[in-house]
């Protein structure tokens, strides 16, 4: 029986590209864009995407009626947060002083890049937009088959600061090191977009479909 992969559709963008990437990485999976709490409850694993601004995403998730279903699913089902979907898992964001879901302890902060210069002499810009390396700070099943320091695609002005440093499983340099992937228990989340990250991103989605965090 196919695993049901629920991609939470609360009105944020990039959902179809996420669904297409997961289907490409795991053609045997039953990938669904879901809009009802009952669909989240019926799924085997959850993908929480997000793009734009965290205040808007949190408001949309709450207004959609899906917030509590995501929180409940995150207690025992494999969950993958992507971009703003990663940030939403934390306690609070400095962007609009916005409360998050509180599933992971920590905050979301903005890049402080004033006066910082890249190796070619150009200034760092906010948002970070483009390809950057991810150092695998901690071994994890979702890194299986992905070489350390692989490139992934980023578009963001804010990043997560986990309260527990051991939750940081991926680190990237942009003016200074920042956490670009986190994991705790059955939750894994990335600041980068796997669906825009070519082979490495597809492998991460494949690994998520295969992941058995409770074994």
N, C-alpha and C. Protein backbone atom coordinates (compact mmCIF):
# COMPACT_ATOMS: atom_id res chain seq x y z
N UNK A 1 0.85 -1.20 0.00
CA UNK A 1 0.00 0.00 0.00
C UNK A 1 0.88 1.25 0.00
N UNK A 2 0.56 2.20 -0.87
CA UNK A 2 1.38 3.40 -1.01
C UNK A 2 1.31 4.26 0.24
N UNK A 3 2.45 4.85 0.57
CA UNK A 3 2.46 5.83 1.65
C UNK A 3 1.78 7.10 1.18
N UNK A 4 0.93 7.66 2.05
CA UNK A 4 0.27 8.93 1.74
C UNK A 4 1.14 10.07 2.25
N UNK A 5 1.60 10.92 1.34
CA UNK A 5 2.41 12.08 1.68
C UNK A 5 1.52 13.30 1.55
N UNK A 6 1.20 13.94 2.66
CA UNK A 6 0.32 15.11 2.66
C UNK A 6 1.15 16.38 2.58
N UNK A 7 0.93 17.17 1.54
CA UNK A 7 1.55 18.49 1.43
C UNK A 7 0.50 19.50 1.86
N UNK A 8 0.77 20.19 2.94
CA UNK A 8 -0.24 21.03 3.59
C UNK A 8 -0.49 22.27 2.74
N UNK A 9 -1.72 22.39 2.24
CA UNK A 9 -2.11 23.51 1.38
C UNK A 9 -2.93 24.49 2.21
N UNK A 10 -2.26 25.53 2.69
CA UNK A 10 -2.94 26.56 3.48
C UNK A 10 -2.90 27.91 2.77
N UNK A 11 -2.62 27.88 1.46
CA UNK A 11 -2.62 29.11 0.67
C UNK A 11 -1.25 29.69 0.40
N UNK A 12 -0.19 29.03 0.88
CA UNK A 12 1.16 29.49 0.56
C UNK A 12 1.56 28.97 -0.82
N UNK A 13 2.57 29.59 -1.42
CA UNK A 13 2.96 29.24 -2.78
C UNK A 13 3.81 27.99 -2.86
N UNK A 14 4.27 27.70 -4.02
CA UNK A 14 5.23 26.65 -4.41
C UNK A 14 4.78 25.22 -4.10
N UNK A 15 3.47 25.04 -3.86
CA UNK A 15 3.01 23.70 -3.47
C UNK A 15 3.10 22.70 -4.61
N UNK A 16 2.73 23.13 -5.81
CA UNK A 16 2.74 22.18 -6.93
C UNK A 16 4.16 21.76 -7.28
N UNK A 17 5.11 22.69 -7.16
CA UNK A 17 6.49 22.30 -7.45
C UNK A 17 7.00 21.32 -6.40
N UNK A 18 6.57 21.50 -5.15
CA UNK A 18 6.94 20.54 -4.10
C UNK A 18 6.32 19.18 -4.42
N UNK A 19 5.03 19.17 -4.75
CA UNK A 19 4.35 17.91 -5.06
C UNK A 19 5.01 17.20 -6.24
N UNK A 20 5.34 17.96 -7.28
CA UNK A 20 5.97 17.35 -8.45
C UNK A 20 7.33 16.75 -8.10
N UNK A 21 8.08 17.46 -7.25
CA UNK A 21 9.41 16.95 -6.87
C UNK A 21 9.29 15.67 -6.06
N UNK A 22 8.34 15.63 -5.12
CA UNK A 22 8.17 14.42 -4.30
C UNK A 22 7.71 13.26 -5.18
N UNK A 23 6.79 13.53 -6.10
CA UNK A 23 6.34 12.46 -7.01
C UNK A 23 7.48 11.95 -7.88
N UNK A 24 8.34 12.86 -8.32
CA UNK A 24 9.47 12.45 -9.15
C UNK A 24 10.46 11.62 -8.34
N UNK A 25 10.68 12.03 -7.08
CA UNK A 25 11.64 11.32 -6.23
C UNK A 25 11.10 9.98 -5.75
N UNK A 26 9.78 9.90 -5.56
CA UNK A 26 9.17 8.68 -5.02
C UNK A 26 7.89 8.39 -5.80
N UNK A 27 8.01 7.87 -7.03
CA UNK A 27 6.83 7.68 -7.88
C UNK A 27 5.79 6.72 -7.31
N UNK A 28 6.22 5.88 -6.38
CA UNK A 28 5.26 4.93 -5.79
C UNK A 28 4.41 5.55 -4.69
N UNK A 29 4.77 6.74 -4.23
CA UNK A 29 4.06 7.39 -3.13
C UNK A 29 2.76 8.02 -3.62
N UNK A 30 1.81 8.12 -2.71
CA UNK A 30 0.53 8.79 -2.98
C UNK A 30 0.64 10.21 -2.43
N UNK A 31 1.00 11.15 -3.30
CA UNK A 31 1.28 12.53 -2.89
C UNK A 31 0.02 13.36 -3.07
N UNK A 32 -0.41 14.02 -1.99
CA UNK A 32 -1.67 14.77 -2.03
C UNK A 32 -1.47 16.18 -1.47
N UNK A 33 -2.07 17.17 -2.16
CA UNK A 33 -2.21 18.50 -1.58
C UNK A 33 -3.46 18.46 -0.71
N UNK A 34 -3.30 18.75 0.57
CA UNK A 34 -4.42 18.56 1.50
C UNK A 34 -4.88 19.89 2.08
N UNK A 35 -6.19 20.01 2.26
CA UNK A 35 -6.79 21.25 2.76
C UNK A 35 -7.70 21.02 3.96
N UNK A 36 -7.78 19.78 4.45
CA UNK A 36 -8.68 19.47 5.56
C UNK A 36 -7.92 18.75 6.66
N UNK A 37 -8.27 19.02 7.93
CA UNK A 37 -7.61 18.32 9.04
C UNK A 37 -7.70 16.80 8.93
N UNK A 38 -8.83 16.29 8.42
CA UNK A 38 -8.99 14.84 8.30
C UNK A 38 -7.99 14.25 7.32
N UNK A 39 -7.60 15.01 6.29
CA UNK A 39 -6.62 14.53 5.32
C UNK A 39 -5.23 14.46 5.94
N UNK A 40 -4.91 15.41 6.81
CA UNK A 40 -3.63 15.37 7.53
C UNK A 40 -3.62 14.17 8.46
N UNK A 41 -4.74 13.94 9.14
CA UNK A 41 -4.82 12.80 10.07
C UNK A 41 -4.68 11.47 9.34
N UNK A 42 -5.13 11.41 8.09
CA UNK A 42 -5.08 10.15 7.34
C UNK A 42 -3.73 9.89 6.69
N UNK A 43 -2.86 10.89 6.66
CA UNK A 43 -1.59 10.76 5.94
C UNK A 43 -0.56 10.01 6.78
N UNK A 44 0.42 9.44 6.08
CA UNK A 44 1.52 8.74 6.75
C UNK A 44 2.65 9.68 7.13
N UNK A 45 2.84 10.73 6.33
CA UNK A 45 3.87 11.73 6.63
C UNK A 45 3.46 13.06 6.03
N UNK A 46 4.03 14.13 6.58
CA UNK A 46 3.56 15.49 6.32
C UNK A 46 4.69 16.34 5.78
N UNK A 47 4.40 17.14 4.74
CA UNK A 47 5.32 18.17 4.27
C UNK A 47 4.65 19.52 4.51
N UNK A 48 5.35 20.40 5.25
CA UNK A 48 4.84 21.74 5.53
C UNK A 48 5.70 22.74 4.77
N UNK A 49 5.24 23.18 3.58
CA UNK A 49 6.02 24.17 2.83
C UNK A 49 5.66 25.58 3.29
N UNK A 50 6.28 26.56 2.65
CA UNK A 50 5.96 27.95 2.95
C UNK A 50 6.92 28.88 2.26
N UNK A 51 6.39 29.98 1.75
CA UNK A 51 7.25 31.01 1.18
C UNK A 51 6.58 32.36 1.40
N UNK A 52 7.39 33.42 1.35
CA UNK A 52 6.88 34.75 1.61
C UNK A 52 7.29 35.22 2.99
N UNK A 53 6.33 35.68 3.78
CA UNK A 53 6.60 36.22 5.11
C UNK A 53 5.95 35.33 6.16
N UNK A 54 6.66 35.09 7.26
CA UNK A 54 6.12 34.19 8.29
C UNK A 54 4.81 34.71 8.89
N UNK A 55 4.65 36.03 9.16
CA UNK A 55 3.35 36.45 9.70
C UNK A 55 2.19 36.06 8.80
N UNK A 56 2.36 36.22 7.49
CA UNK A 56 1.30 35.86 6.55
C UNK A 56 1.06 34.35 6.54
N UNK A 57 2.14 33.57 6.57
CA UNK A 57 2.00 32.11 6.55
C UNK A 57 1.32 31.60 7.81
N UNK A 58 1.69 32.13 8.97
CA UNK A 58 1.06 31.69 10.22
C UNK A 58 -0.42 32.07 10.23
N UNK A 59 -0.73 33.26 9.74
CA UNK A 59 -2.13 33.68 9.69
C UNK A 59 -2.93 32.77 8.76
N UNK A 60 -2.36 32.46 7.61
CA UNK A 60 -3.06 31.59 6.65
C UNK A 60 -3.26 30.19 7.21
N UNK A 61 -2.23 29.67 7.88
CA UNK A 61 -2.34 28.32 8.46
C UNK A 61 -3.43 28.30 9.53
N UNK A 62 -3.46 29.32 10.36
CA UNK A 62 -4.48 29.40 11.41
C UNK A 62 -5.87 29.54 10.80
N UNK A 63 -6.01 30.46 9.82
CA UNK A 63 -7.32 30.71 9.22
C UNK A 63 -7.83 29.51 8.43
N UNK A 64 -6.91 28.69 7.93
CA UNK A 64 -7.30 27.51 7.16
C UNK A 64 -7.89 26.40 8.03
N UNK A 65 -7.69 26.52 9.35
CA UNK A 65 -8.16 25.48 10.26
C UNK A 65 -7.23 24.29 10.36
N UNK A 66 -6.02 24.41 9.78
CA UNK A 66 -5.10 23.28 9.74
C UNK A 66 -4.03 23.32 10.82
N UNK A 67 -3.94 24.41 11.57
CA UNK A 67 -2.83 24.56 12.51
C UNK A 67 -2.80 23.44 13.54
N UNK A 68 -3.93 23.18 14.17
CA UNK A 68 -3.94 22.15 15.21
C UNK A 68 -3.71 20.75 14.63
N UNK A 69 -4.16 20.53 13.41
CA UNK A 69 -3.93 19.23 12.77
C UNK A 69 -2.44 19.01 12.51
N UNK A 70 -1.73 20.07 12.10
CA UNK A 70 -0.29 19.95 11.89
C UNK A 70 0.42 19.68 13.21
N UNK A 71 0.03 20.41 14.26
CA UNK A 71 0.65 20.20 15.58
C UNK A 71 0.42 18.77 16.06
N UNK A 72 -0.81 18.27 15.88
CA UNK A 72 -1.11 16.90 16.31
C UNK A 72 -0.31 15.88 15.51
N UNK A 73 -0.23 16.07 14.20
CA UNK A 73 0.51 15.12 13.36
C UNK A 73 1.99 15.11 13.71
N UNK A 74 2.52 16.28 14.07
CA UNK A 74 3.95 16.38 14.37
C UNK A 74 4.35 15.64 15.63
N UNK A 75 3.39 15.23 16.42
CA UNK A 75 3.71 14.49 17.64
C UNK A 75 4.18 13.07 17.34
N UNK A 76 3.80 12.52 16.16
CA UNK A 76 4.13 11.11 15.93
C UNK A 76 4.39 10.74 14.48
N UNK A 77 4.14 11.65 13.54
CA UNK A 77 4.36 11.33 12.13
C UNK A 77 5.60 12.04 11.61
N UNK A 78 6.33 11.43 10.66
CA UNK A 78 7.44 12.15 10.04
C UNK A 78 6.94 13.44 9.40
N UNK A 79 7.62 14.54 9.71
CA UNK A 79 7.23 15.85 9.20
C UNK A 79 8.45 16.55 8.63
N UNK A 80 8.28 17.10 7.43
CA UNK A 80 9.35 17.85 6.77
C UNK A 80 8.88 19.29 6.57
N UNK A 81 9.58 20.24 7.19
CA UNK A 81 9.31 21.66 6.97
C UNK A 81 10.27 22.22 5.94
N UNK A 82 9.76 23.10 5.07
CA UNK A 82 10.57 23.66 3.98
C UNK A 82 10.45 25.18 3.99
N UNK A 83 11.59 25.86 4.03
CA UNK A 83 11.70 27.32 3.98
C UNK A 83 10.88 27.95 5.12
N UNK A 84 9.84 28.73 4.83
CA UNK A 84 9.03 29.29 5.92
C UNK A 84 8.40 28.17 6.73
N UNK A 85 8.15 27.03 6.10
CA UNK A 85 7.64 25.88 6.84
C UNK A 85 8.58 25.42 7.92
N UNK A 86 9.89 25.58 7.72
CA UNK A 86 10.86 25.31 8.78
C UNK A 86 10.73 26.35 9.88
N UNK A 87 10.70 27.63 9.50
CA UNK A 87 10.65 28.70 10.49
C UNK A 87 9.40 28.61 11.36
N UNK A 88 8.29 28.20 10.78
CA UNK A 88 7.03 28.12 11.51
C UNK A 88 7.06 27.09 12.63
N UNK A 89 7.96 26.14 12.55
CA UNK A 89 8.03 25.10 13.58
C UNK A 89 8.55 25.63 14.91
N UNK A 90 9.20 26.80 14.90
CA UNK A 90 9.87 27.31 16.09
C UNK A 90 8.93 28.18 16.94
N UNK A 91 9.47 28.65 18.07
CA UNK A 91 8.64 29.36 19.04
C UNK A 91 8.16 30.71 18.54
N UNK A 92 9.07 31.48 17.92
CA UNK A 92 8.74 32.86 17.58
C UNK A 92 9.70 33.37 16.52
N UNK A 93 9.20 34.31 15.69
CA UNK A 93 10.04 34.95 14.68
C UNK A 93 10.14 36.44 14.96
N UNK A 94 11.34 36.99 14.72
CA UNK A 94 11.51 38.43 14.82
C UNK A 94 10.77 39.15 13.70
N UNK A 95 10.36 38.43 12.67
CA UNK A 95 9.59 39.04 11.59
C UNK A 95 8.16 39.30 12.09
N UNK A 96 7.89 40.54 12.43
CA UNK A 96 6.58 40.89 12.97
C UNK A 96 6.33 40.37 14.37
N UNK A 97 7.40 39.95 15.07
CA UNK A 97 7.27 39.35 16.41
C UNK A 97 6.14 38.31 16.41
N UNK A 98 6.27 37.35 15.51
CA UNK A 98 5.20 36.40 15.22
C UNK A 98 5.39 35.09 15.97
N UNK A 99 4.39 34.64 16.75
CA UNK A 99 4.49 33.32 17.38
C UNK A 99 4.45 32.22 16.32
N UNK A 100 5.27 31.18 16.54
CA UNK A 100 5.25 30.02 15.67
C UNK A 100 4.45 28.89 16.28
N UNK A 101 4.66 27.69 15.77
CA UNK A 101 3.92 26.52 16.24
C UNK A 101 4.47 25.96 17.54
N UNK A 102 5.69 26.32 17.91
CA UNK A 102 6.26 25.86 19.17
C UNK A 102 6.62 24.39 19.18
N UNK A 103 6.83 23.80 18.01
CA UNK A 103 7.21 22.38 17.96
C UNK A 103 8.70 22.17 18.20
N UNK A 104 9.50 23.18 17.91
CA UNK A 104 10.94 23.16 18.16
C UNK A 104 11.31 24.42 18.93
N UNK A 105 12.14 24.30 19.96
CA UNK A 105 12.51 25.48 20.74
C UNK A 105 13.53 26.33 19.99
N UNK A 106 13.29 27.64 19.97
CA UNK A 106 14.22 28.54 19.32
C UNK A 106 13.49 29.70 18.66
N UNK A 107 14.28 30.57 17.99
CA UNK A 107 13.74 31.77 17.38
C UNK A 107 14.15 31.85 15.91
N UNK A 108 13.50 32.77 15.22
CA UNK A 108 13.83 33.07 13.83
C UNK A 108 14.31 34.52 13.78
N UNK A 109 15.48 34.74 13.21
CA UNK A 109 16.09 36.07 13.21
C UNK A 109 16.47 36.47 11.78
N UNK A 110 16.69 37.78 11.58
CA UNK A 110 17.04 38.31 10.27
C UNK A 110 18.56 38.36 10.11
N UNK A 111 19.01 38.16 8.87
CA UNK A 111 20.43 38.35 8.58
C UNK A 111 20.88 39.76 8.98
N UNK A 112 22.05 39.86 9.59
CA UNK A 112 22.68 41.15 9.90
C UNK A 112 23.97 41.22 9.08
N UNK A 113 23.88 41.83 7.91
CA UNK A 113 24.96 41.76 6.93
C UNK A 113 25.60 43.11 6.63
N UNK A 114 25.25 44.15 7.39
CA UNK A 114 25.79 45.48 7.12
C UNK A 114 27.31 45.47 7.15
N UNK A 115 27.90 45.96 6.07
CA UNK A 115 29.35 46.08 6.01
C UNK A 115 30.09 44.81 5.68
N UNK A 116 29.37 43.69 5.56
CA UNK A 116 30.05 42.43 5.27
C UNK A 116 30.24 42.27 3.76
N UNK A 117 31.44 41.82 3.39
CA UNK A 117 31.83 41.77 1.98
C UNK A 117 32.19 40.33 1.61
N UNK A 118 31.76 39.92 0.42
CA UNK A 118 32.08 38.59 -0.08
C UNK A 118 33.49 38.55 -0.65
N UNK A 119 33.95 37.35 -0.96
CA UNK A 119 35.33 37.17 -1.42
C UNK A 119 35.62 37.91 -2.72
N UNK A 120 34.58 38.19 -3.52
CA UNK A 120 34.80 38.91 -4.78
C UNK A 120 34.71 40.42 -4.61
N UNK A 121 34.54 40.87 -3.35
CA UNK A 121 34.48 42.29 -3.07
C UNK A 121 33.08 42.87 -3.04
N UNK A 122 32.08 42.11 -3.49
CA UNK A 122 30.70 42.59 -3.46
C UNK A 122 30.11 42.43 -2.07
N UNK A 123 29.11 43.25 -1.79
CA UNK A 123 28.46 43.18 -0.48
C UNK A 123 27.45 42.03 -0.44
N UNK A 124 27.33 41.42 0.73
CA UNK A 124 26.25 40.45 0.92
C UNK A 124 24.91 41.17 0.82
N UNK A 125 23.95 40.52 0.18
CA UNK A 125 22.63 41.11 0.00
C UNK A 125 21.59 40.28 0.75
N UNK A 126 20.54 40.98 1.19
CA UNK A 126 19.37 40.32 1.77
C UNK A 126 18.19 40.58 0.83
N UNK A 127 17.47 39.55 0.41
CA UNK A 127 17.61 38.15 0.83
C UNK A 127 18.80 37.45 0.19
N UNK A 128 19.23 36.36 0.84
CA UNK A 128 20.12 35.42 0.15
C UNK A 128 19.28 34.73 -0.92
N UNK A 129 19.75 34.78 -2.15
CA UNK A 129 18.99 34.19 -3.24
C UNK A 129 19.96 33.47 -4.17
N UNK A 130 19.89 32.15 -4.18
CA UNK A 130 20.76 31.38 -5.05
C UNK A 130 21.28 30.13 -4.37
N UNK A 131 22.29 29.54 -5.00
CA UNK A 131 22.86 28.28 -4.54
C UNK A 131 23.91 28.51 -3.46
N UNK A 132 23.91 27.64 -2.46
CA UNK A 132 24.92 27.71 -1.41
C UNK A 132 25.14 26.30 -0.86
N UNK A 133 26.32 26.12 -0.27
CA UNK A 133 26.66 24.81 0.28
C UNK A 133 25.99 24.58 1.63
N UNK A 134 25.70 23.33 1.91
CA UNK A 134 25.21 22.92 3.22
C UNK A 134 26.18 21.90 3.80
N UNK A 135 26.74 22.26 4.94
CA UNK A 135 27.62 21.32 5.66
C UNK A 135 26.77 20.46 6.57
N UNK A 136 26.93 19.16 6.47
CA UNK A 136 26.15 18.23 7.29
C UNK A 136 26.78 18.16 8.67
N UNK A 137 26.27 18.98 9.59
CA UNK A 137 26.86 19.08 10.92
C UNK A 137 26.65 17.81 11.74
N UNK A 138 25.58 17.09 11.44
CA UNK A 138 25.23 15.86 12.16
C UNK A 138 24.80 14.82 11.13
N UNK A 139 25.22 13.59 11.32
CA UNK A 139 24.75 12.51 10.46
C UNK A 139 23.25 12.30 10.67
N UNK A 140 22.52 12.08 9.58
CA UNK A 140 21.07 11.90 9.67
C UNK A 140 20.61 11.10 8.46
N UNK A 141 19.57 10.25 8.61
CA UNK A 141 19.10 9.47 7.47
C UNK A 141 18.69 10.30 6.26
N UNK A 142 18.24 11.54 6.47
CA UNK A 142 17.85 12.35 5.32
C UNK A 142 19.04 12.86 4.52
N UNK A 143 20.25 12.73 5.07
CA UNK A 143 21.46 13.07 4.30
C UNK A 143 22.00 11.87 3.51
N UNK A 144 21.40 10.69 3.67
CA UNK A 144 21.94 9.50 3.01
C UNK A 144 22.07 9.72 1.50
N UNK A 145 23.25 9.41 0.97
CA UNK A 145 23.48 9.52 -0.47
C UNK A 145 23.71 10.92 -0.97
N UNK A 146 23.73 11.91 -0.08
CA UNK A 146 23.96 13.31 -0.46
C UNK A 146 25.36 13.70 0.03
N UNK A 147 26.28 14.01 -0.85
CA UNK A 147 27.63 14.37 -0.40
C UNK A 147 27.62 15.59 0.51
N UNK A 148 28.49 15.57 1.51
CA UNK A 148 28.64 16.74 2.37
C UNK A 148 29.06 17.94 1.52
N UNK A 149 28.62 19.12 1.94
CA UNK A 149 28.90 20.38 1.23
C UNK A 149 28.21 20.42 -0.14
N UNK A 150 27.13 19.68 -0.30
CA UNK A 150 26.35 19.79 -1.53
C UNK A 150 25.67 21.15 -1.60
N UNK A 151 25.39 21.59 -2.82
CA UNK A 151 24.70 22.86 -3.03
C UNK A 151 23.19 22.67 -3.01
N UNK A 152 22.51 23.60 -2.34
CA UNK A 152 21.05 23.66 -2.33
C UNK A 152 20.63 25.10 -2.63
N UNK A 153 19.36 25.27 -2.99
CA UNK A 153 18.88 26.59 -3.42
C UNK A 153 18.14 27.30 -2.29
N UNK A 154 18.53 28.55 -2.05
CA UNK A 154 17.99 29.36 -0.96
C UNK A 154 17.32 30.62 -1.50
N UNK A 155 16.23 31.04 -0.84
CA UNK A 155 15.65 32.38 -1.01
C UNK A 155 15.09 32.77 0.35
N UNK A 156 15.82 33.62 1.10
CA UNK A 156 15.34 33.97 2.44
C UNK A 156 16.12 35.14 3.03
N UNK A 157 15.46 35.84 3.95
CA UNK A 157 16.08 36.93 4.71
C UNK A 157 16.21 36.59 6.18
N UNK A 158 15.50 35.56 6.63
CA UNK A 158 15.51 35.13 8.03
C UNK A 158 15.98 33.68 8.10
N UNK A 159 16.46 33.30 9.28
CA UNK A 159 16.91 31.92 9.49
C UNK A 159 16.65 31.53 10.94
N UNK A 160 16.66 30.24 11.22
CA UNK A 160 16.33 29.75 12.56
C UNK A 160 17.58 29.70 13.44
N UNK A 161 17.36 29.95 14.72
CA UNK A 161 18.40 29.79 15.74
C UNK A 161 17.85 28.81 16.77
N UNK A 162 18.16 27.52 16.65
CA UNK A 162 17.61 26.55 17.60
C UNK A 162 18.13 26.80 19.01
N UNK A 163 17.26 26.63 20.00
CA UNK A 163 17.69 26.76 21.39
C UNK A 163 18.63 25.62 21.76
N UNK A 164 18.45 24.47 21.14
CA UNK A 164 19.32 23.32 21.36
C UNK A 164 20.24 23.17 20.16
N UNK A 165 21.52 23.41 20.35
CA UNK A 165 22.45 23.39 19.22
C UNK A 165 22.51 22.03 18.54
N UNK A 166 22.19 20.97 19.28
CA UNK A 166 22.24 19.63 18.68
C UNK A 166 21.12 19.42 17.65
N UNK A 167 20.12 20.32 17.63
CA UNK A 167 19.07 20.23 16.62
C UNK A 167 19.54 20.70 15.25
N UNK A 168 20.66 21.42 15.20
CA UNK A 168 21.19 21.94 13.93
C UNK A 168 21.96 20.84 13.21
N UNK A 169 21.39 20.34 12.12
CA UNK A 169 22.04 19.24 11.39
C UNK A 169 22.63 19.71 10.06
N UNK A 170 22.34 20.95 9.67
CA UNK A 170 22.93 21.54 8.47
C UNK A 170 23.34 22.97 8.75
N UNK A 171 24.52 23.36 8.27
CA UNK A 171 25.05 24.71 8.49
C UNK A 171 25.54 25.27 7.16
N UNK A 172 25.25 26.55 6.94
CA UNK A 172 25.62 27.24 5.71
C UNK A 172 26.27 28.57 6.06
N UNK A 173 27.20 29.01 5.23
CA UNK A 173 27.88 30.30 5.42
C UNK A 173 27.25 31.35 4.52
N UNK A 174 26.81 32.45 5.13
CA UNK A 174 26.38 33.62 4.36
C UNK A 174 26.64 34.85 5.22
N UNK A 175 27.84 35.37 5.13
CA UNK A 175 28.27 36.44 6.02
C UNK A 175 28.74 35.91 7.35
N UNK A 176 28.13 34.85 7.80
CA UNK A 176 28.48 34.13 9.02
C UNK A 176 27.77 32.78 8.95
N UNK A 177 28.19 31.80 9.74
CA UNK A 177 27.48 30.52 9.70
C UNK A 177 26.05 30.66 10.24
N UNK A 178 25.11 29.98 9.61
CA UNK A 178 23.74 29.94 10.13
C UNK A 178 23.19 28.52 9.94
N UNK A 179 22.18 28.20 10.73
CA UNK A 179 21.55 26.88 10.66
C UNK A 179 20.66 26.80 9.43
N UNK A 180 20.94 25.84 8.56
CA UNK A 180 20.15 25.70 7.33
C UNK A 180 19.33 24.42 7.30
N UNK A 181 19.48 23.55 8.30
CA UNK A 181 18.63 22.36 8.43
C UNK A 181 18.61 21.94 9.89
N UNK A 182 17.45 21.49 10.34
CA UNK A 182 17.28 21.07 11.73
C UNK A 182 16.59 19.71 11.77
N UNK A 183 16.80 19.01 12.87
CA UNK A 183 16.13 17.73 13.07
C UNK A 183 15.98 17.47 14.56
N UNK A 184 14.83 16.92 14.90
CA UNK A 184 14.59 16.44 16.26
C UNK A 184 13.49 15.39 16.18
N UNK A 185 13.78 14.18 16.67
CA UNK A 185 12.77 13.13 16.66
C UNK A 185 12.27 12.86 15.26
N UNK A 186 10.97 12.99 15.06
CA UNK A 186 10.34 12.71 13.77
C UNK A 186 10.21 13.95 12.89
N UNK A 187 10.89 15.05 13.28
CA UNK A 187 10.83 16.30 12.51
C UNK A 187 12.17 16.56 11.84
N UNK A 188 12.12 16.93 10.57
CA UNK A 188 13.30 17.41 9.83
C UNK A 188 12.83 18.63 9.06
N UNK A 189 13.68 19.65 8.97
CA UNK A 189 13.26 20.86 8.26
C UNK A 189 14.47 21.56 7.67
N UNK A 190 14.23 22.24 6.54
CA UNK A 190 15.30 22.90 5.81
C UNK A 190 14.94 24.34 5.49
N UNK A 191 15.94 25.22 5.56
CA UNK A 191 15.73 26.59 5.09
C UNK A 191 15.76 26.65 3.57
N UNK A 192 16.51 25.78 2.95
CA UNK A 192 16.60 25.73 1.49
C UNK A 192 15.38 25.02 0.90
N UNK A 193 15.26 25.13 -0.42
CA UNK A 193 14.15 24.50 -1.14
C UNK A 193 14.65 23.23 -1.83
N UNK A 194 14.36 22.05 -1.30
CA UNK A 194 14.78 20.82 -2.00
C UNK A 194 14.22 20.72 -3.41
N UNK A 195 12.98 21.21 -3.60
CA UNK A 195 12.35 21.08 -4.92
C UNK A 195 13.03 21.94 -5.99
N UNK A 196 13.88 22.88 -5.57
CA UNK A 196 14.62 23.72 -6.51
C UNK A 196 16.11 23.36 -6.52
N UNK A 197 16.46 22.25 -5.89
CA UNK A 197 17.88 21.93 -5.64
C UNK A 197 18.38 20.72 -6.42
N UNK A 198 17.77 20.46 -7.58
CA UNK A 198 18.26 19.42 -8.50
C UNK A 198 18.39 18.07 -7.79
N UNK A 199 19.44 17.32 -8.11
CA UNK A 199 19.57 15.95 -7.64
C UNK A 199 19.65 15.81 -6.14
N UNK A 200 20.37 16.72 -5.48
CA UNK A 200 20.49 16.64 -4.02
C UNK A 200 19.14 16.83 -3.34
N UNK A 201 18.33 17.75 -3.87
CA UNK A 201 17.01 17.98 -3.30
C UNK A 201 16.08 16.81 -3.51
N UNK A 202 16.12 16.22 -4.71
CA UNK A 202 15.29 15.05 -4.96
C UNK A 202 15.69 13.89 -4.06
N UNK A 203 16.99 13.72 -3.82
CA UNK A 203 17.43 12.64 -2.94
C UNK A 203 16.93 12.88 -1.52
N UNK A 204 16.90 14.14 -1.08
CA UNK A 204 16.41 14.42 0.26
C UNK A 204 14.92 14.06 0.37
N UNK A 205 14.14 14.38 -0.65
CA UNK A 205 12.72 13.99 -0.63
C UNK A 205 12.58 12.47 -0.64
N UNK A 206 13.39 11.78 -1.44
CA UNK A 206 13.37 10.32 -1.45
C UNK A 206 13.67 9.77 -0.06
N UNK A 207 14.69 10.33 0.58
CA UNK A 207 15.06 9.88 1.92
C UNK A 207 13.93 10.14 2.92
N UNK A 208 13.21 11.26 2.75
CA UNK A 208 12.11 11.55 3.66
C UNK A 208 11.00 10.51 3.52
N UNK A 209 10.69 10.13 2.30
CA UNK A 209 9.65 9.11 2.08
C UNK A 209 10.05 7.78 2.71
N UNK A 210 11.34 7.46 2.68
CA UNK A 210 11.82 6.18 3.23
C UNK A 210 12.10 6.22 4.73
N UNK A 211 12.18 7.38 5.31
CA UNK A 211 12.64 7.58 6.69
C UNK A 211 11.72 6.88 7.69
N UNK A 212 12.34 6.17 8.63
CA UNK A 212 11.61 5.52 9.72
C UNK A 212 12.17 6.04 11.05
N UNK A 213 11.73 7.22 11.49
CA UNK A 213 12.37 7.85 12.66
C UNK A 213 12.14 7.11 13.96
N UNK A 214 11.13 6.28 14.04
CA UNK A 214 10.81 5.63 15.32
C UNK A 214 11.46 4.25 15.44
N UNK A 215 12.29 3.87 14.47
CA UNK A 215 12.96 2.56 14.54
C UNK A 215 14.38 2.70 15.03
